[in-house]
Amino acid sequence: MGGVPRRVAGVLVVATGDEWIAYVESSNTAHALNRSAGALFNAIDGVRSVEALGSLLAMDADVVDLGLQELVEAGLVVVDGSEVGRSSRRDLLKKIGVGSAAAAALPVVETIVAPSRAAALSPYPTEVPTDFPTPSPTPKPTPWPSP
């Protein structure tokens, strides 16, 4: 790991409580970053090396590598001069223990497809469903035999 990560242009980021929301307008996707992935993303300035990021954030090199891998796969970061993705989440969980507090601190990036800006601003759905099921007739109750 010897590259310099840098953020991709055109990403809007908002910190919300313990997580960060990153919106990529060009792909119309939003990504939720947990606390450690958000801290890593925030520390990326296009100057610090991968090793410097690990030192700054007091993160193990494998954890930084995993976080960068997730950020690269989400399209939020590029890393020049190095490949990321040598570490797998499974290997790290085996190394540190699945139930440990450190496992909860591993960087996580979750991706969702966001509505287009026009659809998000519209008070009405942009597509009206037309395939409503045909209602079936209400069954009549079966009379009970009288005693």
Protein backbone atom coordinates (compact mmCIF):
# COMPACT_ATOMS: atom_id res chain seq x y z
CA MET A 1 0.00 0.00 0.00
CA GLY A 2 1.82 3.06 -1.14
CA GLY A 3 -0.71 5.16 -3.03
CA VAL A 4 -2.33 8.47 -2.34
CA PRO A 5 -6.12 8.34 -2.10
CA ARG A 6 -8.18 11.27 -3.27
CA ARG A 7 -11.88 12.04 -3.23
CA VAL A 8 -13.90 11.93 -6.43
CA ALA A 9 -15.30 15.28 -7.56
CA GLY A 10 -19.04 15.87 -7.41
CA VAL A 11 -19.75 14.09 -4.12
CA LEU A 12 -21.98 15.90 -1.62
CA VAL A 13 -21.38 14.79 1.97
CA VAL A 14 -23.45 15.42 5.09
CA ALA A 15 -22.63 14.19 8.59
CA THR A 16 -25.71 12.94 10.43
CA GLY A 17 -25.13 11.70 13.95
CA ASP A 18 -22.88 8.66 13.86
CA GLU A 19 -22.86 8.26 10.11
CA TRP A 20 -22.16 10.21 6.96
CA ILE A 21 -24.32 10.35 3.85
CA ALA A 22 -22.45 10.81 0.57
CA TYR A 23 -24.50 11.55 -2.55
CA VAL A 24 -23.03 11.11 -6.02
CA GLU A 25 -25.18 13.14 -8.38
CA SER A 26 -23.67 11.68 -11.57
CA SER A 27 -24.73 8.13 -10.65
CA ASN A 28 -27.75 9.12 -8.58
CA THR A 29 -26.58 7.01 -5.66
CA ALA A 30 -26.32 7.68 -1.98
CA HIS A 31 -23.93 5.94 0.38
CA ALA A 32 -24.18 5.64 4.15
CA LEU A 33 -20.75 5.56 5.79
CA ASN A 34 -20.42 4.39 9.37
CA ARG A 35 -18.25 6.34 11.82
CA SER A 36 -14.90 4.79 10.84
CA ALA A 37 -15.57 4.94 7.08
CA GLY A 38 -16.66 8.59 7.50
CA ALA A 39 -13.53 9.43 9.48
CA LEU A 40 -11.39 7.82 6.79
CA PHE A 41 -13.24 9.65 4.00
CA ASN A 42 -12.93 12.94 5.89
CA ALA A 43 -9.17 12.47 6.37
CA ILE A 44 -8.55 11.92 2.65
CA ASP A 45 -7.11 15.15 1.30
CA GLY A 46 -5.28 14.00 -1.85
CA VAL A 47 -1.91 14.51 -0.14
CA ARG A 48 -1.76 11.97 2.70
CA SER A 49 -0.56 8.48 1.80
CA VAL A 50 -2.38 5.37 2.89
CA GLU A 51 0.20 4.88 5.64
CA ALA A 52 -0.22 8.48 6.83
CA LEU A 53 -3.99 7.99 7.01
CA GLY A 54 -3.50 4.91 9.17
CA SER A 55 -1.22 6.85 11.53
CA LEU A 56 -3.53 9.86 11.68
CA LEU A 57 -6.61 7.77 12.45
CA ALA A 58 -4.80 5.17 14.60
CA MET A 59 -6.13 2.43 12.31
CA ASP A 60 -4.44 -0.84 11.46
CA ALA A 61 -3.16 -0.96 7.85
CA ASP A 62 -5.62 -3.76 7.02
CA VAL A 63 -8.53 -1.71 8.35
CA VAL A 64 -7.48 1.32 6.26
CA ASP A 65 -7.15 -0.96 3.25
CA LEU A 66 -10.63 -2.39 3.79
CA GLY A 67 -12.12 1.08 4.22
CA LEU A 68 -10.43 2.35 1.07
CA GLN A 69 -11.64 -0.71 -0.81
CA GLU A 70 -15.23 0.06 0.20
CA LEU A 71 -14.88 3.77 -0.66
CA VAL A 72 -13.36 2.92 -4.07
CA GLU A 73 -16.09 0.38 -4.85
CA ALA A 74 -18.72 3.01 -3.96
CA GLY A 75 -17.10 5.46 -6.39
CA LEU A 76 -16.25 7.99 -3.68
CA VAL A 77 -12.45 7.67 -3.75
CA VAL A 78 -9.67 6.75 -6.17
CA VAL A 79 -6.21 5.61 -5.13
CA ASP A 80 -3.27 6.48 -7.36
CA GLY A 81 -0.20 4.30 -7.46
CA SER A 82 -1.51 1.40 -5.41
CA GLU A 83 -4.10 -1.29 -5.39
CA VAL A 84 -6.51 -1.57 -2.54
CA GLY A 85 -8.55 -4.55 -1.58
CA ARG A 86 -5.91 -6.89 -0.25
CA SER A 87 -7.81 -7.27 3.00
CA SER A 88 -11.18 -8.95 3.25
CA ARG A 89 -13.76 -8.31 5.92
CA ARG A 90 -13.89 -12.05 6.64
CA ASP A 91 -10.13 -12.25 7.24
CA LEU A 92 -10.21 -9.19 9.48
CA LEU A 93 -13.10 -10.61 11.51
CA LYS A 94 -11.15 -13.84 11.99
CA LYS A 95 -8.09 -11.83 13.03
CA ILE A 96 -9.81 -9.56 15.57
CA GLY A 97 -12.72 -11.77 16.61
CA VAL A 98 -16.28 -11.52 15.35
CA GLY A 99 -17.80 -10.42 18.66
CA SER A 100 -15.17 -7.86 19.60
CA ALA A 101 -15.77 -4.14 19.82
CA ALA A 102 -13.13 -3.68 17.11
CA ALA A 103 -15.33 -5.66 14.69
CA ALA A 104 -18.07 -3.05 15.11
CA ALA A 105 -15.55 -0.33 14.26
CA LEU A 106 -14.67 -1.74 10.82
CA PRO A 107 -15.46 0.69 7.99
CA VAL A 108 -18.81 0.03 6.32
CA VAL A 109 -20.24 1.72 3.22
CA GLU A 110 -23.85 0.90 2.30
CA THR A 111 -25.15 1.99 -1.09
CA ILE A 112 -28.69 2.88 -2.14
CA VAL A 113 -30.07 4.22 -5.39
CA ALA A 114 -31.53 7.64 -4.80
CA PRO A 115 -34.39 9.18 -6.79
CA SER A 116 -33.46 11.72 -9.43
CA ARG A 117 -33.42 15.32 -8.26
CA ALA A 118 -36.66 16.04 -10.15
CA ALA A 119 -38.39 13.02 -8.64
CA ALA A 120 -37.17 13.88 -5.16
CA LEU A 121 -38.51 17.43 -5.45
CA SER A 122 -41.85 16.40 -6.92
CA PRO A 123 -44.78 16.16 -4.50
CA TYR A 124 -46.28 13.50 -6.77
CA PRO A 125 -44.95 10.14 -7.90
CA THR A 126 -43.23 10.33 -11.28
CA GLU A 127 -44.61 6.95 -12.30
CA VAL A 128 -48.20 6.07 -11.54
CA PRO A 129 -48.76 2.34 -11.23
CA THR A 130 -51.29 1.03 -13.73
CA ASP A 131 -51.27 -2.64 -12.89
CA PHE A 132 -53.56 -2.59 -9.90
CA PRO A 133 -55.01 -6.01 -9.13
CA THR A 134 -58.65 -6.50 -9.94
CA PRO A 135 -60.57 -6.70 -6.69
CA SER A 136 -62.26 -10.01 -6.12
CA PRO A 137 -65.89 -10.00 -5.05
CA THR A 138 -66.45 -10.10 -1.34
CA PRO A 139 -67.54 -13.60 -0.38
CA LYS A 140 -70.94 -13.90 1.27
CA PRO A 141 -70.91 -15.46 4.70
CA THR A 142 -72.07 -19.01 4.86
CA PRO A 143 -75.18 -19.25 7.07
CA TRP A 144 -74.92 -21.51 10.07
CA PRO A 145 -77.52 -24.20 10.35
CA SER A 146 -80.19 -23.25 12.82
CA PRO A 147 -80.65 -25.45 15.88
